[in-house]
């Protein structure tokens, strides 16, 4: 792959992950509570990219302000879990994933 193609793909991947970070967090939290460090590690392992702690904390705080997460201190770190509203939102996303995928694919079709 050429350097331009590689740079374009890396840029696009970073944009998608950063713009869908709230969705990534909501869906990952269905399994177990997470700290900000856990989110950074998960994104790094799954998408092979590092995101800043500032990006993650801003996203977690926004989700918490919107009533989708609840953060609590446990062993010197803040751990987040889904609220009932967060669980419902995550299930709605999962139940409509085909529509979401169709929408994203429609971006590439005239």
PDB file of N, CA and C in Angstrom:
ATOM      1  N   UNK A   1       0.845  -1.169   0.000  1.00  0.00           N
ATOM      2  CA  UNK A   1       0.000   0.000   0.000  1.00  0.00           C
ATOM      3  C   UNK A   1       0.895   1.237   0.000  1.00  0.00           C
ATOM      4  N   UNK A   2       0.549   2.215  -0.815  1.00  0.00           N
ATOM      5  CA  UNK A   2       1.363   3.426  -0.887  1.00  0.00           C
ATOM      6  C   UNK A   2       1.232   4.233   0.399  1.00  0.00           C
ATOM      7  N   UNK A   3       2.174   5.153   0.581  1.00  0.00           N
ATOM      8  CA  UNK A   3       2.162   5.989   1.782  1.00  0.00           C
ATOM      9  C   UNK A   3       0.884   6.828   1.845  1.00  0.00           C
ATOM     10  N   UNK A   4       0.432   7.341   0.698  1.00  0.00           N
ATOM     11  CA  UNK A   4      -0.788   8.151   0.666  1.00  0.00           C
ATOM     12  C   UNK A   4      -2.001   7.323   1.072  1.00  0.00           C
ATOM     13  N   UNK A   5      -2.092   6.087   0.527  1.00  0.00           N
ATOM     14  CA  UNK A   5      -3.212   5.214   0.887  1.00  0.00           C
ATOM     15  C   UNK A   5      -3.166   4.868   2.368  1.00  0.00           C
ATOM     16  N   UNK A   6      -1.987   4.583   2.868  1.00  0.00           N
ATOM     17  CA  UNK A   6      -1.830   4.231   4.269  1.00  0.00           C
ATOM     18  C   UNK A   6      -2.212   5.412   5.162  1.00  0.00           C
ATOM     19  N   UNK A   7      -1.740   6.601   4.835  1.00  0.00           N
ATOM     20  CA  UNK A   7      -2.081   7.793   5.613  1.00  0.00           C
ATOM     21  C   UNK A   7      -3.584   8.065   5.575  1.00  0.00           C
ATOM     22  N   UNK A   8      -4.172   7.903   4.399  1.00  0.00           N
ATOM     23  CA  UNK A   8      -5.614   8.119   4.260  1.00  0.00           C
ATOM     24  C   UNK A   8      -6.390   7.132   5.113  1.00  0.00           C
ATOM     25  N   UNK A   9      -6.004   5.873   5.085  1.00  0.00           N
ATOM     26  CA  UNK A   9      -6.694   4.854   5.876  1.00  0.00           C
ATOM     27  C   UNK A   9      -6.515   5.105   7.376  1.00  0.00           C
ATOM     28  N   UNK A  10      -5.306   5.459   7.785  1.00  0.00           N
ATOM     29  CA  UNK A  10      -5.065   5.743   9.207  1.00  0.00           C
ATOM     30  C   UNK A  10      -5.879   6.936   9.678  1.00  0.00           C
ATOM     31  N   UNK A  11      -5.934   7.975   8.861  1.00  0.00           N
ATOM     32  CA  UNK A  11      -6.715   9.161   9.197  1.00  0.00           C
ATOM     33  C   UNK A  11      -8.192   8.814   9.304  1.00  0.00           C
ATOM     34  N   UNK A  12      -8.689   8.046   8.357  1.00  0.00           N
ATOM     35  CA  UNK A  12     -10.104   7.671   8.367  1.00  0.00           C
ATOM     36  C   UNK A  12     -10.420   6.797   9.581  1.00  0.00           C
ATOM     37  N   UNK A  13      -9.566   5.848   9.888  1.00  0.00           N
ATOM     38  CA  UNK A  13      -9.787   4.982  11.046  1.00  0.00           C
ATOM     39  C   UNK A  13      -9.822   5.810  12.325  1.00  0.00           C
ATOM     40  N   UNK A  14      -8.898   6.734  12.462  1.00  0.00           N
ATOM     41  CA  UNK A  14      -8.855   7.591  13.657  1.00  0.00           C
ATOM     42  C   UNK A  14     -10.138   8.414  13.766  1.00  0.00           C
ATOM     43  N   UNK A  15     -10.595   8.980  12.653  1.00  0.00           N
ATOM     44  CA  UNK A  15     -11.831   9.782  12.662  1.00  0.00           C
ATOM     45  C   UNK A  15     -13.033   8.942  13.073  1.00  0.00           C
ATOM     46  N   UNK A  16     -13.133   7.737  12.527  1.00  0.00           N
ATOM     47  CA  UNK A  16     -14.270   6.872  12.844  1.00  0.00           C
ATOM     48  C   UNK A  16     -14.252   6.488  14.322  1.00  0.00           C
ATOM     49  N   UNK A  17     -13.099   6.082  14.825  1.00  0.00           N
ATOM     50  CA  UNK A  17     -13.008   5.679  16.230  1.00  0.00           C
ATOM     51  C   UNK A  17     -13.322   6.857  17.143  1.00  0.00           C
ATOM     52  N   UNK A  18     -12.754   8.034  16.867  1.00  0.00           N
ATOM     53  CA  UNK A  18     -13.006   9.186  17.724  1.00  0.00           C
ATOM     54  C   UNK A  18     -14.465   9.628  17.661  1.00  0.00           C
ATOM     55  N   UNK A  19     -15.071   9.592  16.476  1.00  0.00           N
ATOM     56  CA  UNK A  19     -16.453  10.031  16.341  1.00  0.00           C
ATOM     57  C   UNK A  19     -17.460   9.015  16.871  1.00  0.00           C
ATOM     58  N   UNK A  20     -17.072   7.755  16.921  1.00  0.00           N
ATOM     59  CA  UNK A  20     -17.959   6.718  17.432  1.00  0.00           C
ATOM     60  C   UNK A  20     -17.512   6.207  18.799  1.00  0.00           C
ATOM     61  N   UNK A  21     -16.653   6.966  19.467  1.00  0.00           N
ATOM     62  CA  UNK A  21     -16.136   6.517  20.753  1.00  0.00           C
ATOM     63  C   UNK A  21     -17.252   6.302  21.771  1.00  0.00           C
ATOM     64  N   UNK A  22     -18.269   7.143  21.728  1.00  0.00           N
ATOM     65  CA  UNK A  22     -19.384   6.957  22.658  1.00  0.00           C
ATOM     66  C   UNK A  22     -20.084   5.625  22.416  1.00  0.00           C
ATOM     67  N   UNK A  23     -20.262   5.264  21.164  1.00  0.00           N
ATOM     68  CA  UNK A  23     -20.892   3.980  20.819  1.00  0.00           C
ATOM     69  C   UNK A  23     -19.985   2.826  21.252  1.00  0.00           C
ATOM     70  N   UNK A  24     -18.705   2.953  20.986  1.00  0.00           N
ATOM     71  CA  UNK A  24     -17.735   1.924  21.379  1.00  0.00           C
ATOM     72  C   UNK A  24     -17.788   1.705  22.888  1.00  0.00           C
ATOM     73  N   UNK A  25     -17.803   2.795  23.649  1.00  0.00           N
ATOM     74  CA  UNK A  25     -17.828   2.706  25.111  1.00  0.00           C
ATOM     75  C   UNK A  25     -19.134   2.079  25.590  1.00  0.00           C
ATOM     76  N   UNK A  26     -20.261   2.554  25.069  1.00  0.00           N
ATOM     77  CA  UNK A  26     -21.551   2.001  25.504  1.00  0.00           C
ATOM     78  C   UNK A  26     -21.628   0.502  25.260  1.00  0.00           C
ATOM     79  N   UNK A  27     -21.197   0.068  24.086  1.00  0.00           N
ATOM     80  CA  UNK A  27     -21.285  -1.358  23.760  1.00  0.00           C
ATOM     81  C   UNK A  27     -20.291  -2.183  24.580  1.00  0.00           C
ATOM     82  N   UNK A  28     -19.127  -1.649  24.834  1.00  0.00           N
ATOM     83  CA  UNK A  28     -18.131  -2.373  25.638  1.00  0.00           C
ATOM     84  C   UNK A  28     -18.566  -2.471  27.107  1.00  0.00           C
ATOM     85  N   UNK A  29     -19.231  -1.446  27.603  1.00  0.00           N
ATOM     86  CA  UNK A  29     -19.670  -1.454  28.996  1.00  0.00           C
ATOM     87  C   UNK A  29     -20.794  -2.449  29.264  1.00  0.00           C
ATOM     88  N   UNK A  30     -21.392  -2.998  28.238  1.00  0.00           N
ATOM     89  CA  UNK A  30     -22.410  -4.039  28.453  1.00  0.00           C
ATOM     90  C   UNK A  30     -21.800  -5.255  29.118  1.00  0.00           C
ATOM     91  N   UNK A  31     -20.523  -5.487  28.885  1.00  0.00           N
ATOM     92  CA  UNK A  31     -19.842  -6.678  29.409  1.00  0.00           C
ATOM     93  C   UNK A  31     -19.381  -6.502  30.852  1.00  0.00           C
ATOM     94  N   UNK A  32     -18.776  -5.333  31.142  1.00  0.00           N
ATOM     95  CA  UNK A  32     -18.252  -5.101  32.487  1.00  0.00           C
ATOM     96  C   UNK A  32     -17.905  -3.625  32.648  1.00  0.00           C
ATOM     97  N   UNK A  33     -17.805  -3.157  33.895  1.00  0.00           N
ATOM     98  CA  UNK A  33     -17.395  -1.768  34.135  1.00  0.00           C
ATOM     99  C   UNK A  33     -15.984  -1.516  33.607  1.00  0.00           C
ATOM    100  N   UNK A  34     -15.706  -0.246  33.260  1.00  0.00           N
ATOM    101  CA  UNK A  34     -14.413   0.133  32.705  1.00  0.00           C
ATOM    102  C   UNK A  34     -13.926   1.441  33.303  1.00  0.00           C
ATOM    103  N   UNK A  35     -12.622   1.567  33.413  1.00  0.00           N
ATOM    104  CA  UNK A  35     -12.002   2.845  33.750  1.00  0.00           C
ATOM    105  C   UNK A  35     -11.571   3.511  32.440  1.00  0.00           C
ATOM    106  N   UNK A  36     -11.154   4.757  32.519  1.00  0.00           N
ATOM    107  CA  UNK A  36     -10.662   5.449  31.323  1.00  0.00           C
ATOM    108  C   UNK A  36      -9.453   4.696  30.740  1.00  0.00           C
ATOM    109  N   UNK A  37      -8.582   4.223  31.616  1.00  0.00           N
ATOM    110  CA  UNK A  37      -7.420   3.454  31.152  1.00  0.00           C
ATOM    111  C   UNK A  37      -7.865   2.188  30.413  1.00  0.00           C
ATOM    112  N   UNK A  38      -8.913   1.534  30.899  1.00  0.00           N
ATOM    113  CA  UNK A  38      -9.440   0.339  30.231  1.00  0.00           C
ATOM    114  C   UNK A  38      -9.938   0.675  28.826  1.00  0.00           C
ATOM    115  N   UNK A  39     -10.574   1.836  28.684  1.00  0.00           N
ATOM    116  CA  UNK A  39     -11.063   2.262  27.362  1.00  0.00           C
ATOM    117  C   UNK A  39      -9.885   2.489  26.422  1.00  0.00           C
ATOM    118  N   UNK A  40      -8.869   3.192  26.905  1.00  0.00           N
ATOM    119  CA  UNK A  40      -7.679   3.445  26.080  1.00  0.00           C
ATOM    120  C   UNK A  40      -7.039   2.126  25.662  1.00  0.00           C
ATOM    121  N   UNK A  41      -6.902   1.195  26.595  1.00  0.00           N
ATOM    122  CA  UNK A  41      -6.304  -0.116  26.291  1.00  0.00           C
ATOM    123  C   UNK A  41      -7.139  -0.893  25.296  1.00  0.00           C
ATOM    124  N   UNK A  42      -8.454  -0.883  25.470  1.00  0.00           N
ATOM    125  CA  UNK A  42      -9.343  -1.601  24.564  1.00  0.00           C
ATOM    126  C   UNK A  42      -9.228  -1.051  23.138  1.00  0.00           C
ATOM    127  N   UNK A  43      -9.273   0.271  23.013  1.00  0.00           N
ATOM    128  CA  UNK A  43      -9.163   0.889  21.683  1.00  0.00           C
ATOM    129  C   UNK A  43      -7.817   0.556  21.063  1.00  0.00           C
ATOM    130  N   UNK A  44      -6.772   0.582  21.862  1.00  0.00           N
ATOM    131  CA  UNK A  44      -5.442   0.268  21.345  1.00  0.00           C
ATOM    132  C   UNK A  44      -5.366  -1.184  20.850  1.00  0.00           C
ATOM    133  N   UNK A  45      -5.898  -2.103  21.628  1.00  0.00           N
ATOM    134  CA  UNK A  45      -5.851  -3.515  21.241  1.00  0.00           C
ATOM    135  C   UNK A  45      -6.754  -3.812  20.039  1.00  0.00           C
ATOM    136  N   UNK A  46      -7.944  -3.257  20.028  1.00  0.00           N
ATOM    137  CA  UNK A  46      -8.901  -3.573  18.970  1.00  0.00           C
ATOM    138  C   UNK A  46      -8.612  -2.837  17.663  1.00  0.00           C
ATOM    139  N   UNK A  47      -8.243  -1.551  17.765  1.00  0.00           N
ATOM    140  CA  UNK A  47      -8.099  -0.725  16.558  1.00  0.00           C
ATOM    141  C   UNK A  47      -6.660  -0.327  16.260  1.00  0.00           C
ATOM    142  N   UNK A  48      -5.715  -0.774  17.092  1.00  0.00           N
ATOM    143  CA  UNK A  48      -4.283  -0.518  16.886  1.00  0.00           C
ATOM    144  C   UNK A  48      -3.975   0.974  16.788  1.00  0.00           C
ATOM    145  N   UNK A  49      -4.599   1.737  17.685  1.00  0.00           N
ATOM    146  CA  UNK A  49      -4.324   3.167  17.731  1.00  0.00           C
ATOM    147  C   UNK A  49      -4.438   3.645  19.172  1.00  0.00           C
ATOM    148  N   UNK A  50      -3.689   4.687  19.463  1.00  0.00           N
ATOM    149  CA  UNK A  50      -3.746   5.280  20.794  1.00  0.00           C
ATOM    150  C   UNK A  50      -4.603   6.535  20.733  1.00  0.00           C
ATOM    151  N   UNK A  51      -5.490   6.661  21.706  1.00  0.00           N
ATOM    152  CA  UNK A  51      -6.260   7.889  21.822  1.00  0.00           C
ATOM    153  C   UNK A  51      -5.886   8.540  23.144  1.00  0.00           C
ATOM    154  N   UNK A  52      -5.982   9.834  23.185  1.00  0.00           N
ATOM    155  CA  UNK A  52      -5.523  10.557  24.376  1.00  0.00           C
ATOM    156  C   UNK A  52      -6.482  10.352  25.542  1.00  0.00           C
ATOM    157  N   UNK A  53      -5.931  10.469  26.725  1.00  0.00           N
ATOM    158  CA  UNK A  53      -6.766  10.359  27.913  1.00  0.00           C
ATOM    159  C   UNK A  53      -7.777  11.496  27.950  1.00  0.00           C
ATOM    160  N   UNK A  54      -7.407  12.661  27.445  1.00  0.00           N
ATOM    161  CA  UNK A  54      -8.332  13.783  27.393  1.00  0.00           C
ATOM    162  C   UNK A  54      -9.554  13.486  26.542  1.00  0.00           C
ATOM    163  N   UNK A  55      -9.338  12.831  25.412  1.00  0.00           N
ATOM    164  CA  UNK A  55     -10.449  12.441  24.543  1.00  0.00           C
ATOM    165  C   UNK A  55     -11.363  11.463  25.261  1.00  0.00           C
ATOM    166  N   UNK A  56     -10.769  10.500  25.931  1.00  0.00           N
ATOM    167  CA  UNK A  56     -11.555   9.475  26.625  1.00  0.00           C
ATOM    168  C   UNK A  56     -12.315  10.089  27.794  1.00  0.00           C
ATOM    169  N   UNK A  57     -11.641  10.898  28.617  1.00  0.00           N
ATOM    170  CA  UNK A  57     -12.323  11.498  29.766  1.00  0.00           C
ATOM    171  C   UNK A  57     -13.454  12.422  29.319  1.00  0.00           C
ATOM    172  N   UNK A  58     -13.229  13.216  28.283  1.00  0.00           N
ATOM    173  CA  UNK A  58     -14.286  14.099  27.781  1.00  0.00           C
ATOM    174  C   UNK A  58     -15.492  13.280  27.339  1.00  0.00           C
ATOM    175  N   UNK A  59     -15.238  12.164  26.677  1.00  0.00           N
ATOM    176  CA  UNK A  59     -16.319  11.302  26.214  1.00  0.00           C
ATOM    177  C   UNK A  59     -17.056  10.661  27.386  1.00  0.00           C
ATOM    178  N   UNK A  60     -16.320  10.145  28.349  1.00  0.00           N
ATOM    179  CA  UNK A  60     -16.940   9.517  29.520  1.00  0.00           C
ATOM    180  C   UNK A  60     -17.766  10.530  30.313  1.00  0.00           C
ATOM    181  N   UNK A  61     -17.228  11.740  30.500  1.00  0.00           N
ATOM    182  CA  UNK A  61     -17.970  12.766  31.231  1.00  0.00           C
ATOM    183  C   UNK A  61     -19.242  13.156  30.491  1.00  0.00           C
ATOM    184  N   UNK A  62     -19.172  13.269  29.171  1.00  0.00           N
ATOM    185  CA  UNK A  62     -20.364  13.605  28.388  1.00  0.00           C
ATOM    186  C   UNK A  62     -21.424  12.512  28.519  1.00  0.00           C
ATOM    187  N   UNK A  63     -21.008  11.259  28.437  1.00  0.00           N
ATOM    188  CA  UNK A  63     -21.951  10.148  28.602  1.00  0.00           C
ATOM    189  C   UNK A  63     -22.558  10.148  30.005  1.00  0.00           C
ATOM    190  N   UNK A  64     -21.745  10.499  30.988  1.00  0.00           N
ATOM    191  CA  UNK A  64     -22.248  10.546  32.362  1.00  0.00           C
ATOM    192  C   UNK A  64     -23.244  11.706  32.529  1.00  0.00           C
ATOM    193  N   UNK A  65     -22.923  12.872  31.970  1.00  0.00           N
ATOM    194  CA  UNK A  65     -23.838  14.024  32.044  1.00  0.00           C
ATOM    195  C   UNK A  65     -25.171  13.722  31.367  1.00  0.00           C
ATOM    196  N   UNK A  66     -25.138  12.897  30.321  1.00  0.00           N
ATOM    197  CA  UNK A  66     -26.359  12.532  29.605  1.00  0.00           C
ATOM    198  C   UNK A  66     -27.112  11.379  30.264  1.00  0.00           C
ATOM    199  N   UNK A  67     -26.625  10.917  31.400  1.00  0.00           N
ATOM    200  CA  UNK A  67     -27.329   9.892  32.153  1.00  0.00           C
ATOM    201  C   UNK A  67     -27.160   8.483  31.626  1.00  0.00           C
ATOM    202  N   UNK A  68     -26.145   8.267  30.788  1.00  0.00           N
ATOM    203  CA  UNK A  68     -25.933   6.941  30.212  1.00  0.00           C
ATOM    204  C   UNK A  68     -24.944   6.107  31.011  1.00  0.00           C
ATOM    205  N   UNK A  69     -24.071   6.778  31.768  1.00  0.00           N
ATOM    206  CA  UNK A  69     -23.068   6.103  32.597  1.00  0.00           C
ATOM    207  C   UNK A  69     -23.126   6.655  34.011  1.00  0.00           C
ATOM    208  N   UNK A  70     -22.589   5.855  34.915  1.00  0.00           N
ATOM    209  CA  UNK A  70     -22.387   6.312  36.278  1.00  0.00           C
ATOM    210  C   UNK A  70     -20.968   5.947  36.664  1.00  0.00           C
ATOM    211  N   UNK A  71     -20.221   6.947  37.104  1.00  0.00           N
ATOM    212  CA  UNK A  71     -18.849   6.710  37.531  1.00  0.00           C
ATOM    213  C   UNK A  71     -18.757   6.645  39.037  1.00  0.00           C
ATOM    214  N   UNK A  72     -17.973   5.690  39.524  1.00  0.00           N
ATOM    215  CA  UNK A  72     -17.738   5.536  40.961  1.00  0.00           C
ATOM    216  C   UNK A  72     -16.258   5.250  41.176  1.00  0.00           C
ATOM    217  N   UNK A  73     -15.752   5.728  42.302  1.00  0.00           N
ATOM    218  CA  UNK A  73     -14.351   5.466  42.616  1.00  0.00           C
ATOM    219  C   UNK A  73     -14.194   4.079  43.212  1.00  0.00           C
ATOM    220  N   UNK A  74     -13.237   3.340  42.685  1.00  0.00           N
ATOM    221  CA  UNK A  74     -12.916   1.998  43.176  1.00  0.00           C
ATOM    222  C   UNK A  74     -11.408   1.804  43.058  1.00  0.00           C
ATOM    223  N   UNK A  75     -10.766   1.554  44.153  1.00  0.00           N
ATOM    224  CA  UNK A  75      -9.317   1.302  44.184  1.00  0.00           C
ATOM    225  C   UNK A  75      -8.533   2.406  43.488  1.00  0.00           C
ATOM    226  N   UNK A  76      -8.783   3.654  43.892  1.00  0.00           N
ATOM    227  CA  UNK A  76      -8.053   4.832  43.419  1.00  0.00           C
ATOM    228  C   UNK A  76      -8.301   5.183  41.955  1.00  0.00           C
ATOM    229  N   UNK A  77      -9.304   4.621  41.332  1.00  0.00           N
ATOM    230  CA  UNK A  77      -9.624   5.011  39.958  1.00  0.00           C
ATOM    231  C   UNK A  77     -11.133   5.081  39.797  1.00  0.00           C
ATOM    232  N   UNK A  78     -11.550   5.866  38.849  1.00  0.00           N
ATOM    233  CA  UNK A  78     -12.978   6.020  38.576  1.00  0.00           C
ATOM    234  C   UNK A  78     -13.385   4.954  37.565  1.00  0.00           C
ATOM    235  N   UNK A  79     -14.384   4.190  37.938  1.00  0.00           N
ATOM    236  CA  UNK A  79     -14.860   3.089  37.108  1.00  0.00           C
ATOM    237  C   UNK A  79     -16.288   3.422  36.679  1.00  0.00           C
ATOM    238  N   UNK A  80     -16.575   3.188  35.418  1.00  0.00           N
ATOM    239  CA  UNK A  80     -17.868   3.539  34.849  1.00  0.00           C
ATOM    240  C   UNK A  80     -18.679   2.295  34.544  1.00  0.00           C
ATOM    241  N   UNK A  81     -19.987   2.415  34.753  1.00  0.00           N
ATOM    242  CA  UNK A  81     -20.902   1.343  34.374  1.00  0.00           C
ATOM    243  C   UNK A  81     -22.146   1.979  33.771  1.00  0.00           C
ATOM    244  N   UNK A  82     -22.885   1.188  33.024  1.00  0.00           N
ATOM    245  CA  UNK A  82     -24.085   1.689  32.366  1.00  0.00           C
ATOM    246  C   UNK A  82     -25.203   1.919  33.373  1.00  0.00           C
ATOM    247  N   UNK A  83     -25.951   2.982  33.153  1.00  0.00           N
ATOM    248  CA  UNK A  83     -27.197   3.190  33.880  1.00  0.00           C
ATOM    249  C   UNK A  83     -28.289   2.430  33.122  1.00  0.00           C
ATOM    250  N   UNK A  84     -29.498   2.431  33.647  1.00  0.00           N
ATOM    251  CA  UNK A  84     -30.601   1.784  32.925  1.00  0.00           C
ATOM    252  C   UNK A  84     -30.790   2.431  31.551  1.00  0.00           C
ATOM    253  N   UNK A  85     -30.709   3.755  31.529  1.00  0.00           N
ATOM    254  CA  UNK A  85     -30.830   4.471  30.242  1.00  0.00           C
ATOM    255  C   UNK A  85     -29.696   4.080  29.299  1.00  0.00           C
ATOM    256  N   UNK A  86     -28.495   3.926  29.842  1.00  0.00           N
ATOM    257  CA  UNK A  86     -27.352   3.504  29.035  1.00  0.00           C
ATOM    258  C   UNK A  86     -27.542   2.107  28.470  1.00  0.00           C
ATOM    259  N   UNK A  87     -28.089   1.205  29.294  1.00  0.00           N
ATOM    260  CA  UNK A  87     -28.361  -0.166  28.830  1.00  0.00           C
ATOM    261  C   UNK A  87     -29.383  -0.154  27.704  1.00  0.00           C
ATOM    262  N   UNK A  88     -30.438   0.656  27.863  1.00  0.00           N
ATOM    263  CA  UNK A  88     -31.463   0.752  26.821  1.00  0.00           C
ATOM    264  C   UNK A  88     -30.878   1.326  25.531  1.00  0.00           C
ATOM    265  N   UNK A  89     -30.026   2.331  25.670  1.00  0.00           N
ATOM    266  CA  UNK A  89     -29.395   2.944  24.499  1.00  0.00           C
ATOM    267  C   UNK A  89     -28.500   1.943  23.785  1.00  0.00           C
ATOM    268  N   UNK A  90     -27.707   1.192  24.539  1.00  0.00           N
ATOM    269  CA  UNK A  90     -26.833   0.179  23.942  1.00  0.00           C
ATOM    270  C   UNK A  90     -27.656  -0.881  23.206  1.00  0.00           C
ATOM    271  N   UNK A  91     -28.759  -1.307  23.810  1.00  0.00           N
ATOM    272  CA  UNK A  91     -29.614  -2.311  23.160  1.00  0.00           C
ATOM    273  C   UNK A  91     -30.256  -1.742  21.893  1.00  0.00           C
ATOM    274  N   UNK A  92     -30.637  -0.482  21.923  1.00  0.00           N
ATOM    275  CA  UNK A  92     -31.204   0.157  20.733  1.00  0.00           C
ATOM    276  C   UNK A  92     -30.172   0.181  19.609  1.00  0.00           C
ATOM    277  N   UNK A  93     -28.941   0.528  19.949  1.00  0.00           N
ATOM    278  CA  UNK A  93     -27.874   0.524  18.942  1.00  0.00           C
ATOM    279  C   UNK A  93     -27.690  -0.867  18.349  1.00  0.00           C
ATOM    280  N   UNK A  94     -27.662  -1.874  19.209  1.00  0.00           N
ATOM    281  CA  UNK A  94     -27.497  -3.246  18.725  1.00  0.00           C
ATOM    282  C   UNK A  94     -28.680  -3.690  17.867  1.00  0.00           C
ATOM    283  N   UNK A  95     -29.876  -3.332  18.293  1.00  0.00           N
ATOM    284  CA  UNK A  95     -31.073  -3.735  17.549  1.00  0.00           C
ATOM    285  C   UNK A  95     -31.194  -3.041  16.199  1.00  0.00           C
ATOM    286  N   UNK A  96     -30.512  -1.911  16.045  1.00  0.00           N
ATOM    287  CA  UNK A  96     -30.582  -1.165  14.788  1.00  0.00           C
ATOM    288  C   UNK A  96     -29.244  -1.129  14.046  1.00  0.00           C
ATOM    289  N   UNK A  97     -28.371  -2.067  14.366  1.00  0.00           N
ATOM    290  CA  UNK A  97     -27.040  -2.046  13.749  1.00  0.00           C
ATOM    291  C   UNK A  97     -27.107  -2.180  12.228  1.00  0.00           C
ATOM    292  N   UNK A  98     -28.069  -2.923  11.698  1.00  0.00           N
ATOM    293  CA  UNK A  98     -28.179  -3.055  10.246  1.00  0.00           C
ATOM    294  C   UNK A  98     -28.508  -1.714   9.600  1.00  0.00           C
ATOM    295  N   UNK A  99     -29.389  -0.942  10.220  1.00  0.00           N
ATOM    296  CA  UNK A  99     -29.730   0.381   9.697  1.00  0.00           C
ATOM    297  C   UNK A  99     -28.526   1.316   9.771  1.00  0.00           C
ATOM    298  N   UNK A 100     -27.778   1.227  10.861  1.00  0.00           N
ATOM    299  CA  UNK A 100     -26.583   2.058  11.019  1.00  0.00           C
ATOM    300  C   UNK A 100     -25.551   1.692   9.956  1.00  0.00           C
ATOM    301  N   UNK A 101     -25.339   0.401   9.757  1.00  0.00           N
ATOM    302  CA  UNK A 101     -24.386  -0.047   8.731  1.00  0.00           C
ATOM    303  C   UNK A 101     -24.833   0.380   7.336  1.00  0.00           C
ATOM    304  N   UNK A 102     -26.127   0.259   7.049  1.00  0.00           N
ATOM    305  CA  UNK A 102     -26.646   0.695   5.754  1.00  0.00           C
ATOM    306  C   UNK A 102     -26.404   2.181   5.547  1.00  0.00           C
ATOM    307  N   UNK A 103     -26.611   2.959   6.597  1.00  0.00           N
ATOM    308  CA  UNK A 103     -26.383   4.396   6.490  1.00  0.00           C
ATOM    309  C   UNK A 103     -24.917   4.687   6.173  1.00  0.00           C
ATOM    310  N   UNK A 104     -24.009   4.051   6.901  1.00  0.00           N
ATOM    311  CA  UNK A 104     -22.581   4.280   6.672  1.00  0.00           C
ATOM    312  C   UNK A 104     -22.195   3.843   5.255  1.00  0.00           C
ATOM    313  N   UNK A 105     -22.706   2.694   4.811  1.00  0.00           N
ATOM    314  CA  UNK A 105     -22.403   2.244   3.453  1.00  0.00           C
ATOM    315  C   UNK A 105     -22.961   3.207   2.402  1.00  0.00           C
ATOM    316  N   UNK A 106     -24.082   3.856   2.696  1.00  0.00           N
ATOM    317  CA  UNK A 106     -24.676   4.784   1.732  1.00  0.00           C
ATOM    318  C   UNK A 106     -23.783   5.996   1.491  1.00  0.00           C
ATOM    319  N   UNK A 107     -22.856   6.260   2.389  1.00  0.00           N
ATOM    320  CA  UNK A 107     -21.912   7.370   2.178  1.00  0.00           C
ATOM    321  C   UNK A 107     -21.013   7.120   0.972  1.00  0.00           C
ATOM    322  N   UNK A 108     -20.833   5.849   0.613  1.00  0.00           N
ATOM    323  CA  UNK A 108     -19.900   5.492  -0.457  1.00  0.00           C
ATOM    324  C   UNK A 108     -20.594   5.201  -1.781  1.00  0.00           C
ATOM    325  N   UNK A 109     -21.899   5.398  -1.837  1.00  0.00           N
ATOM    326  CA  UNK A 109     -22.664   5.090  -3.043  1.00  0.00           C
ATOM    327  C   UNK A 109     -23.328   6.369  -3.520  1.00  0.00           C
ATOM    328  N   UNK A 110     -23.239   6.613  -4.823  1.00  0.00           N
ATOM    329  CA  UNK A 110     -23.908   7.804  -5.392  1.00  0.00           C
ATOM    330  C   UNK A 110     -25.377   7.624  -5.460  1.00  0.00           C
TER     331      UNK A 110
END
